Amino acid sequence: LISFIVVIASLVQIVEIIIKKVSPTLFRELGIFLPLITTNCAILGLAIFQTNRGYGFLEGLFFESSPSWPRYRHLPGAWAWS
């Protein structure tokens, strides 16, 4: 199932690039819909990954949010306890 998600997300990105080159008008008309398909694939892939690992809600939430912590650590006031 995860391989299908990767294939769909990859094909959507390729189609988006081709449409942008071939028909800018169609690309503008489609707007946010093509990137939304890819985003939904990423969310579904993460949910499947966490389910296969047996993560509960809090573990999954921690796993999902923990990679973003180092990005915001340098901002002043981002962490009140650091």
Protein backbone atom coordinates (compact mmCIF):
# COMPACT_ATOMS: atom_id res chain seq x y z
CA LEU A 1 0.00 0.00 0.00
CA ILE A 2 2.80 2.43 0.80
CA SER A 3 4.33 1.80 -2.63
CA PHE A 4 1.05 2.81 -4.27
CA ILE A 5 1.08 6.06 -2.31
CA VAL A 6 4.65 6.79 -3.41
CA VAL A 7 3.80 6.03 -7.04
CA ILE A 8 0.69 8.24 -6.97
CA ALA A 9 2.52 11.15 -5.33
CA SER A 10 5.41 10.85 -7.79
CA LEU A 11 3.13 10.72 -10.81
CA VAL A 12 1.16 13.72 -9.61
CA GLN A 13 4.40 15.69 -9.26
CA ILE A 14 5.52 14.66 -12.77
CA VAL A 15 2.13 15.58 -14.22
CA GLU A 16 2.28 18.92 -12.43
CA ILE A 17 5.70 19.70 -13.93
CA ILE A 18 4.56 18.68 -17.43
CA ILE A 19 1.35 20.71 -17.22
CA LYS A 20 3.30 23.74 -15.99
CA LYS A 21 5.59 23.54 -19.04
CA VAL A 22 2.96 22.62 -21.66
CA SER A 23 -0.09 24.60 -20.56
CA PRO A 24 0.44 27.39 -18.04
CA THR A 25 -3.27 28.29 -18.30
CA LEU A 26 -4.34 24.80 -17.24
CA PHE A 27 -1.72 24.89 -14.48
CA ARG A 28 -3.22 28.12 -13.13
CA GLU A 29 -6.75 26.72 -13.40
CA LEU A 30 -5.85 23.58 -11.45
CA GLY A 31 -4.31 25.80 -8.79
CA ILE A 32 -3.82 24.06 -5.47
CA PHE A 33 -5.48 20.75 -6.41
CA LEU A 34 -2.37 18.91 -7.65
CA PRO A 35 -0.22 19.82 -4.61
CA LEU A 36 -3.13 18.80 -2.36
CA ILE A 37 -3.12 15.31 -3.84
CA THR A 38 0.57 14.98 -3.01
CA THR A 39 0.01 16.34 0.51
CA ASN A 40 -2.80 13.86 1.10
CA CYS A 41 -0.50 11.04 -0.03
CA ALA A 42 2.12 12.18 2.49
CA ILE A 43 -0.44 12.33 5.32
CA LEU A 44 -1.86 8.91 4.43
CA GLY A 45 1.66 7.47 4.21
CA LEU A 46 2.52 8.81 7.65
CA ALA A 47 -0.69 7.39 9.11
CA ILE A 48 0.02 3.96 7.61
CA PHE A 49 3.62 4.07 8.84
CA GLN A 50 2.53 4.90 12.39
CA THR A 51 -0.19 2.24 12.35
CA ASN A 52 2.25 -0.41 11.13
CA ARG A 53 4.63 0.52 13.96
CA GLY A 54 1.82 0.24 16.50
CA TYR A 55 2.06 3.82 17.74
CA GLY A 56 -0.77 5.14 19.86
CA PHE A 57 -2.17 8.64 19.50
CA LEU A 58 0.36 10.40 21.75
CA GLU A 59 3.31 8.43 20.37
CA GLY A 60 2.20 9.21 16.82
CA LEU A 61 1.77 12.88 17.64
CA PHE A 62 5.25 13.00 19.16
CA PHE A 63 6.75 11.14 16.19
CA GLU A 64 5.02 13.46 13.73
CA SER A 65 6.02 16.72 15.43
CA SER A 66 9.51 15.92 16.70
CA PRO A 67 11.41 16.47 13.40
CA SER A 68 10.23 20.08 13.31
CA TRP A 69 11.67 20.98 16.72
CA PRO A 70 15.26 21.69 15.61
CA ARG A 71 14.03 24.08 12.91
CA TYR A 72 12.43 26.45 15.39
CA ARG A 73 14.93 26.19 18.23
CA HIS A 74 16.96 29.20 17.01
CA LEU A 75 13.97 31.57 17.07
CA PRO A 76 13.85 33.90 20.08
CA GLY A 77 10.98 33.03 22.37
CA ALA A 78 10.24 29.80 20.51
CA TRP A 79 10.98 27.73 23.58
CA ALA A 80 10.11 29.24 26.91
CA TRP A 81 11.97 26.52 28.80
CA SER A 82 15.27 26.56 26.86
